[in-house]
Amino acid sequence: MEPQNKNKNPGYPLALPQWIRYMLSPFFLVHKKGKSIYLTFDDGPIPEITPAVLDILKQYEIQGTFFCVGENIQKHPDTFKRLISEGHTVGSHTLHHLNGFKTKNNLYIKDTIAAANLVPTNLFRPPYGRINLCQYLHLRPKYRIVLWSILTGDYIADFTYKDCVDVVLKNVKGGDIIVFHDSLKAAPRMLKALPIIIEKLIERGYTFKTL
């Protein structure tokens, strides 16, 4: 889920307004109730990055939800096995990180199913959050399609890790699904922001769950 431009303002809200969260919830599970927070990570597994994320989560005794690109699972099976062995939840993110708005329906559906066959859950997050109605109607009966309520912006080149922290802490509410990226592009910001965000959310009394 990388932006189409690299400005600090990506052209869309990083934190979804409350009314949009509730409107989309029945379809994409973007908002859950309660005092829990759901930390999610897209685009891995990447051996240079994902293990560092796992080390941070292990330090705080937190489990996350990882939406994995299928070809990265195939390239890095040992890193993927560690995700599973440490109790994290995994979902699919298509086989080749496809944009549903720019991909023919039959190819997108085929690619999504191929990736889903590599993970032990029915969780699926469309890359970029882009999935059209035909794709959704075909996949929804079999897969639990998950979006988010807060993007950290860790993929934005002009962001600092402090910007990522600010986005979360200024907008977070109980039940939020927060997106980080365990990717090479996001790593400089994400790896610094993640522990700060965790500690601040713990101070506010939040707990962490997986989807």
C-alpha atoms as a PDB file:
ATOM      1  CA  MET A   1       0.000   0.000   0.000  1.00  0.00           C
ATOM      2  CA  GLU A   2       2.289   2.728  -1.209  1.00  0.00           C
ATOM      3  CA  PRO A   3       1.068   6.198  -2.191  1.00  0.00           C
ATOM      4  CA  GLN A   4       0.956   7.549  -5.713  1.00  0.00           C
ATOM      5  CA  ASN A   5       3.067  10.574  -4.726  1.00  0.00           C
ATOM      6  CA  LYS A   6       5.789  11.255  -2.214  1.00  0.00           C
ATOM      7  CA  ASN A   7       4.572  14.481  -0.640  1.00  0.00           C
ATOM      8  CA  LYS A   8       3.793  14.738   3.025  1.00  0.00           C
ATOM      9  CA  ASN A   9       0.181  15.150   1.988  1.00  0.00           C
ATOM     10  CA  PRO A  10      -0.568  11.921   0.085  1.00  0.00           C
ATOM     11  CA  GLY A  11      -3.902  13.217  -1.209  1.00  0.00           C
ATOM     12  CA  TYR A  12      -6.062  11.039   1.038  1.00  0.00           C
ATOM     13  CA  PRO A  13      -6.665  10.875   4.800  1.00  0.00           C
ATOM     14  CA  LEU A  14      -4.213   8.736   6.744  1.00  0.00           C
ATOM     15  CA  ALA A  15      -6.771   8.462   9.539  1.00  0.00           C
ATOM     16  CA  LEU A  16     -10.287   7.717   8.342  1.00  0.00           C
ATOM     17  CA  PRO A  17     -13.011  10.011   9.679  1.00  0.00           C
ATOM     18  CA  GLN A  18     -15.277   8.301  12.172  1.00  0.00           C
ATOM     19  CA  TRP A  19     -18.306   8.226   9.879  1.00  0.00           C
ATOM     20  CA  ILE A  20     -16.341   6.503   7.114  1.00  0.00           C
ATOM     21  CA  ARG A  21     -15.073   3.887   9.568  1.00  0.00           C
ATOM     22  CA  TYR A  22     -18.593   2.971  10.602  1.00  0.00           C
ATOM     23  CA  MET A  23     -19.902   3.090   7.034  1.00  0.00           C
ATOM     24  CA  LEU A  24     -17.251   0.656   5.802  1.00  0.00           C
ATOM     25  CA  SER A  25     -17.178  -1.613   8.859  1.00  0.00           C
ATOM     26  CA  PRO A  26     -19.827  -4.098   7.678  1.00  0.00           C
ATOM     27  CA  PHE A  27     -17.907  -4.649   4.451  1.00  0.00           C
ATOM     28  CA  PHE A  28     -14.221  -4.331   5.252  1.00  0.00           C
ATOM     29  CA  LEU A  29     -13.856  -4.547   9.053  1.00  0.00           C
ATOM     30  CA  VAL A  30     -12.088  -1.198   9.332  1.00  0.00           C
ATOM     31  CA  HIS A  31     -13.238  -0.482  12.845  1.00  0.00           C
ATOM     32  CA  LYS A  32     -13.784  -2.647  15.904  1.00  0.00           C
ATOM     33  CA  LYS A  33     -15.141  -1.574  19.281  1.00  0.00           C
ATOM     34  CA  GLY A  34     -13.390  -1.666  22.639  1.00  0.00           C
ATOM     35  CA  LYS A  35     -10.094  -0.546  24.160  1.00  0.00           C
ATOM     36  CA  SER A  36      -7.965  -2.826  21.995  1.00  0.00           C
ATOM     37  CA  ILE A  37      -5.669  -1.806  19.144  1.00  0.00           C
ATOM     38  CA  TYR A  38      -4.831  -3.978  16.143  1.00  0.00           C
ATOM     39  CA  LEU A  39      -1.281  -3.548  14.808  1.00  0.00           C
ATOM     40  CA  THR A  40      -1.015  -4.741  11.208  1.00  0.00           C
ATOM     41  CA  PHE A  41       1.934  -4.955   8.838  1.00  0.00           C
ATOM     42  CA  ASP A  42       1.781  -5.067   5.048  1.00  0.00           C
ATOM     43  CA  ASP A  43       4.082  -6.162   2.213  1.00  0.00           C
ATOM     44  CA  GLY A  44       6.435  -8.646   3.920  1.00  0.00           C
ATOM     45  CA  PRO A  45       7.925 -10.958   4.754  1.00  0.00           C
ATOM     46  CA  ILE A  46      11.268  -9.290   4.073  1.00  0.00           C
ATOM     47  CA  PRO A  47      14.274 -10.902   5.822  1.00  0.00           C
ATOM     48  CA  GLU A  48      16.067  -7.560   6.243  1.00  0.00           C
ATOM     49  CA  ILE A  49      13.062  -5.980   7.995  1.00  0.00           C
ATOM     50  CA  THR A  50      10.444  -8.419   9.278  1.00  0.00           C
ATOM     51  CA  PRO A  51      12.679 -10.068  11.919  1.00  0.00           C
ATOM     52  CA  ALA A  52      13.388  -6.631  13.410  1.00  0.00           C
ATOM     53  CA  VAL A  53       9.637  -6.031  13.677  1.00  0.00           C
ATOM     54  CA  LEU A  54       9.214  -9.409  15.336  1.00  0.00           C
ATOM     55  CA  ASP A  55      11.953  -8.576  17.835  1.00  0.00           C
ATOM     56  CA  ILE A  56      10.161  -5.354  18.790  1.00  0.00           C
ATOM     57  CA  LEU A  57       6.809  -7.094  19.184  1.00  0.00           C
ATOM     58  CA  LYS A  58       8.432  -9.860  21.231  1.00  0.00           C
ATOM     59  CA  GLN A  59       9.990  -7.262  23.536  1.00  0.00           C
ATOM     60  CA  TYR A  60       6.507  -5.934  24.386  1.00  0.00           C
ATOM     61  CA  GLU A  61       4.853  -9.374  24.287  1.00  0.00           C
ATOM     62  CA  ILE A  62       2.537  -8.281  21.484  1.00  0.00           C
ATOM     63  CA  GLN A  63       1.171 -10.285  18.575  1.00  0.00           C
ATOM     64  CA  GLY A  64       0.527  -8.521  15.269  1.00  0.00           C
ATOM     65  CA  THR A  65      -1.305  -9.303  12.060  1.00  0.00           C
ATOM     66  CA  PHE A  66       0.855  -9.547   8.930  1.00  0.00           C
ATOM     67  CA  PHE A  67      -0.634  -9.251   5.458  1.00  0.00           C
ATOM     68  CA  CYS A  68       1.969 -10.989   3.327  1.00  0.00           C
ATOM     69  CA  VAL A  69       2.666 -10.688  -0.378  1.00  0.00           C
ATOM     70  CA  GLY A  70       2.600 -14.211  -1.792  1.00  0.00           C
ATOM     71  CA  GLU A  71       5.801 -13.976  -3.785  1.00  0.00           C
ATOM     72  CA  ASN A  72       7.617 -12.772  -0.657  1.00  0.00           C
ATOM     73  CA  ILE A  73       6.363 -15.845   1.203  1.00  0.00           C
ATOM     74  CA  GLN A  74       7.752 -17.983  -1.601  1.00  0.00           C
ATOM     75  CA  LYS A  75      11.093 -16.159  -1.643  1.00  0.00           C
ATOM     76  CA  HIS A  76      11.552 -16.025   2.132  1.00  0.00           C
ATOM     77  CA  PRO A  77       9.944 -19.134   3.663  1.00  0.00           C
ATOM     78  CA  ASP A  78      12.094 -19.082   6.798  1.00  0.00           C
ATOM     79  CA  THR A  79      11.009 -15.558   7.695  1.00  0.00           C
ATOM     80  CA  PHE A  80       7.390 -16.531   7.103  1.00  0.00           C
ATOM     81  CA  LYS A  81       7.803 -19.617   9.306  1.00  0.00           C
ATOM     82  CA  ARG A  82       9.071 -17.411  12.124  1.00  0.00           C
ATOM     83  CA  LEU A  83       5.912 -15.291  11.865  1.00  0.00           C
ATOM     84  CA  ILE A  84       3.815 -18.390  12.323  1.00  0.00           C
ATOM     85  CA  SER A  85       5.955 -19.956  15.031  1.00  0.00           C
ATOM     86  CA  GLU A  86       5.839 -16.820  17.212  1.00  0.00           C
ATOM     87  CA  GLY A  87       2.060 -16.767  17.217  1.00  0.00           C
ATOM     88  CA  HIS A  88       1.352 -13.869  14.895  1.00  0.00           C
ATOM     89  CA  THR A  89      -1.690 -13.860  12.655  1.00  0.00           C
ATOM     90  CA  VAL A  90      -1.080 -13.801   8.906  1.00  0.00           C
ATOM     91  CA  GLY A  91      -3.243 -12.892   5.948  1.00  0.00           C
ATOM     92  CA  SER A  92      -2.693 -12.507   2.231  1.00  0.00           C
ATOM     93  CA  HIS A  93      -1.952  -9.361   0.220  1.00  0.00           C
ATOM     94  CA  THR A  94      -2.192 -10.849  -3.304  1.00  0.00           C
ATOM     95  CA  LEU A  95       0.623 -12.786  -4.916  1.00  0.00           C
ATOM     96  CA  HIS A  96       2.185  -9.831  -6.750  1.00  0.00           C
ATOM     97  CA  HIS A  97       0.897  -6.769  -4.829  1.00  0.00           C
ATOM     98  CA  LEU A  98      -1.707  -5.911  -7.452  1.00  0.00           C
ATOM     99  CA  ASN A  99      -3.791  -2.762  -7.642  1.00  0.00           C
ATOM    100  CA  GLY A 100      -7.384  -3.914  -8.084  1.00  0.00           C
ATOM    101  CA  PHE A 101      -8.343  -0.732  -9.945  1.00  0.00           C
ATOM    102  CA  LYS A 102      -5.650  -1.345 -12.574  1.00  0.00           C
ATOM    103  CA  THR A 103      -5.891  -5.129 -12.933  1.00  0.00           C
ATOM    104  CA  LYS A 104      -8.338  -7.192 -14.955  1.00  0.00           C
ATOM    105  CA  ASN A 105     -10.813  -8.931 -12.692  1.00  0.00           C
ATOM    106  CA  ASN A 106      -9.933 -12.494 -13.664  1.00  0.00           C
ATOM    107  CA  LEU A 107      -6.211 -11.857 -13.143  1.00  0.00           C
ATOM    108  CA  TYR A 108      -6.767 -10.107  -9.813  1.00  0.00           C
ATOM    109  CA  ILE A 109      -8.994 -12.889  -8.493  1.00  0.00           C
ATOM    110  CA  LYS A 110      -6.594 -15.595  -9.649  1.00  0.00           C
ATOM    111  CA  ASP A 111      -3.620 -13.784  -8.081  1.00  0.00           C
ATOM    112  CA  THR A 112      -5.500 -13.271  -4.814  1.00  0.00           C
ATOM    113  CA  ILE A 113      -6.522 -16.908  -4.540  1.00  0.00           C
ATOM    114  CA  ALA A 114      -2.958 -18.055  -5.261  1.00  0.00           C
ATOM    115  CA  ALA A 115      -1.647 -15.914  -2.402  1.00  0.00           C
ATOM    116  CA  ALA A 116      -4.431 -16.969  -0.049  1.00  0.00           C
ATOM    117  CA  ASN A 117      -3.467 -20.598  -0.559  1.00  0.00           C
ATOM    118  CA  LEU A 118      -0.091 -19.829   1.027  1.00  0.00           C
ATOM    119  CA  VAL A 119      -1.482 -18.616   4.372  1.00  0.00           C
ATOM    120  CA  PRO A 120      -3.391 -20.541   7.078  1.00  0.00           C
ATOM    121  CA  THR A 121      -6.224 -17.980   7.447  1.00  0.00           C
ATOM    122  CA  ASN A 122      -8.894 -16.431   5.247  1.00  0.00           C
ATOM    123  CA  LEU A 123      -7.746 -12.861   5.985  1.00  0.00           C
ATOM    124  CA  PHE A 124      -7.130 -10.699   2.926  1.00  0.00           C
ATOM    125  CA  ARG A 125      -6.130  -7.060   2.544  1.00  0.00           C
ATOM    126  CA  PRO A 126      -6.200  -5.583  -0.974  1.00  0.00           C
ATOM    127  CA  PRO A 127      -2.994  -3.679  -1.793  1.00  0.00           C
ATOM    128  CA  TYR A 128      -3.514   0.093  -1.753  1.00  0.00           C
ATOM    129  CA  GLY A 129      -6.995  -0.665  -0.383  1.00  0.00           C
ATOM    130  CA  ARG A 130      -8.133  -0.862  -3.994  1.00  0.00           C
ATOM    131  CA  ILE A 131     -10.633  -3.519  -4.936  1.00  0.00           C
ATOM    132  CA  ASN A 132     -13.562  -3.034  -7.308  1.00  0.00           C
ATOM    133  CA  LEU A 133     -17.110  -4.237  -6.810  1.00  0.00           C
ATOM    134  CA  CYS A 134     -16.787  -7.282  -9.059  1.00  0.00           C
ATOM    135  CA  GLN A 135     -13.614  -8.422  -7.303  1.00  0.00           C
ATOM    136  CA  TYR A 136     -15.168  -7.802  -3.904  1.00  0.00           C
ATOM    137  CA  LEU A 137     -18.345  -9.745  -4.669  1.00  0.00           C
ATOM    138  CA  HIS A 138     -16.325 -12.691  -5.974  1.00  0.00           C
ATOM    139  CA  LEU A 139     -13.887 -12.836  -3.054  1.00  0.00           C
ATOM    140  CA  ARG A 140     -16.055 -11.771  -0.113  1.00  0.00           C
ATOM    141  CA  PRO A 141     -17.899 -15.099   0.397  1.00  0.00           C
ATOM    142  CA  LYS A 142     -14.610 -16.928   0.967  1.00  0.00           C
ATOM    143  CA  TYR A 143     -12.277 -14.298   2.412  1.00  0.00           C
ATOM    144  CA  ARG A 144     -12.419 -11.854   5.329  1.00  0.00           C
ATOM    145  CA  ILE A 145     -11.461  -8.607   3.629  1.00  0.00           C
ATOM    146  CA  VAL A 146      -9.776  -6.160   6.000  1.00  0.00           C
ATOM    147  CA  LEU A 147      -8.884  -2.510   5.487  1.00  0.00           C
ATOM    148  CA  TRP A 148      -7.837  -0.145   8.286  1.00  0.00           C
ATOM    149  CA  SER A 149      -8.694   2.986  10.217  1.00  0.00           C
ATOM    150  CA  ILE A 150      -5.190   4.545  10.469  1.00  0.00           C
ATOM    151  CA  LEU A 151      -2.275   4.507   8.033  1.00  0.00           C
ATOM    152  CA  THR A 152       0.977   5.470   9.737  1.00  0.00           C
ATOM    153  CA  GLY A 153       2.401   7.011   6.559  1.00  0.00           C
ATOM    154  CA  ASP A 154       5.645   5.095   7.058  1.00  0.00           C
ATOM    155  CA  TYR A 155       5.885   4.606   3.280  1.00  0.00           C
ATOM    156  CA  ILE A 156       5.899   8.371   2.574  1.00  0.00           C
ATOM    157  CA  ALA A 157       9.429   9.405   1.652  1.00  0.00           C
ATOM    158  CA  ASP A 158       9.110  12.932   3.051  1.00  0.00           C
ATOM    159  CA  PHE A 159       7.764  11.711   6.399  1.00  0.00           C
ATOM    160  CA  THR A 160       9.952  11.354   9.454  1.00  0.00           C
ATOM    161  CA  TYR A 161       9.342   8.730  12.107  1.00  0.00           C
ATOM    162  CA  LYS A 162       7.953  11.534  14.270  1.00  0.00           C
ATOM    163  CA  ASP A 163       5.323  12.254  11.610  1.00  0.00           C
ATOM    164  CA  CYS A 164       4.252   8.603  11.775  1.00  0.00           C
ATOM    165  CA  VAL A 165       4.011   8.780  15.559  1.00  0.00           C
ATOM    166  CA  ASP A 166       1.967  11.990  15.383  1.00  0.00           C
ATOM    167  CA  VAL A 167      -0.520  10.544  12.893  1.00  0.00           C
ATOM    168  CA  VAL A 168      -1.280   7.661  15.227  1.00  0.00           C
ATOM    169  CA  LEU A 169      -1.286   9.449  18.569  1.00  0.00           C
ATOM    170  CA  LYS A 170      -3.427  12.353  17.350  1.00  0.00           C
ATOM    171  CA  ASN A 171      -6.096  10.097  15.861  1.00  0.00           C
ATOM    172  CA  VAL A 172      -6.104   6.785  17.711  1.00  0.00           C
ATOM    173  CA  LYS A 173      -9.272   5.417  19.305  1.00  0.00           C
ATOM    174  CA  GLY A 174     -10.169   2.084  20.810  1.00  0.00           C
ATOM    175  CA  GLY A 175     -10.707  -0.555  18.163  1.00  0.00           C
ATOM    176  CA  ASP A 176      -8.448   1.058  15.567  1.00  0.00           C
ATOM    177  CA  ILE A 177      -6.694  -1.052  12.962  1.00  0.00           C
ATOM    178  CA  ILE A 178      -3.285   0.564  12.358  1.00  0.00           C
ATOM    179  CA  VAL A 179      -1.148  -0.129   9.290  1.00  0.00           C
ATOM    180  CA  PHE A 180       2.642  -0.307   9.264  1.00  0.00           C
ATOM    181  CA  HIS A 181       4.781  -1.758   6.452  1.00  0.00           C
ATOM    182  CA  ASP A 182       7.561  -4.288   6.983  1.00  0.00           C
ATOM    183  CA  SER A 183       9.215  -3.196   3.743  1.00  0.00           C
ATOM    184  CA  LEU A 184      12.591  -1.769   2.811  1.00  0.00           C
ATOM    185  CA  LYS A 185      10.967   1.499   1.768  1.00  0.00           C
ATOM    186  CA  ALA A 186       9.169   2.046   5.076  1.00  0.00           C
ATOM    187  CA  ALA A 187      11.820   0.656   7.412  1.00  0.00           C
ATOM    188  CA  PRO A 188      13.726   3.876   8.246  1.00  0.00           C
ATOM    189  CA  ARG A 189      10.557   5.410   9.677  1.00  0.00           C
ATOM    190  CA  MET A 190       8.631   2.338  10.772  1.00  0.00           C
ATOM    191  CA  LEU A 191      11.333   0.735  12.937  1.00  0.00           C
ATOM    192  CA  LYS A 192      11.792   3.960  14.928  1.00  0.00           C
ATOM    193  CA  ALA A 193       8.104   4.806  15.179  1.00  0.00           C
ATOM    194  CA  LEU A 194       6.800   1.352  16.138  1.00  0.00           C
ATOM    195  CA  PRO A 195       8.253   1.078  19.676  1.00  0.00           C
ATOM    196  CA  ILE A 196       7.365   4.691  20.476  1.00  0.00           C
ATOM    197  CA  ILE A 197       3.781   4.160  19.365  1.00  0.00           C
ATOM    198  CA  ILE A 198       3.508   0.930  21.338  1.00  0.00           C
ATOM    199  CA  GLU A 199       4.804   2.543  24.522  1.00  0.00           C
ATOM    200  CA  LYS A 200       2.528   5.572  24.202  1.00  0.00           C
ATOM    201  CA  LEU A 201      -0.527   3.384  23.583  1.00  0.00           C
ATOM    202  CA  ILE A 202       0.331   1.231  26.598  1.00  0.00           C
ATOM    203  CA  GLU A 203       0.570   4.412  28.694  1.00  0.00           C
ATOM    204  CA  ARG A 204      -2.941   5.319  27.528  1.00  0.00           C
ATOM    205  CA  GLY A 205      -4.263   1.972  28.682  1.00  0.00           C
ATOM    206  CA  TYR A 206      -4.683   0.246  25.339  1.00  0.00           C
ATOM    207  CA  THR A 207      -4.154  -3.457  24.831  1.00  0.00           C
ATOM    208  CA  PHE A 208      -3.209  -5.223  21.615  1.00  0.00           C
ATOM    209  CA  LYS A 209      -5.002  -7.971  19.730  1.00  0.00           C
ATOM    210  CA  THR A 210      -4.774  -9.718  16.383  1.00  0.00           C
ATOM    211  CA  LEU A 211      -7.507  -9.820  13.779  1.00  0.00           C
END
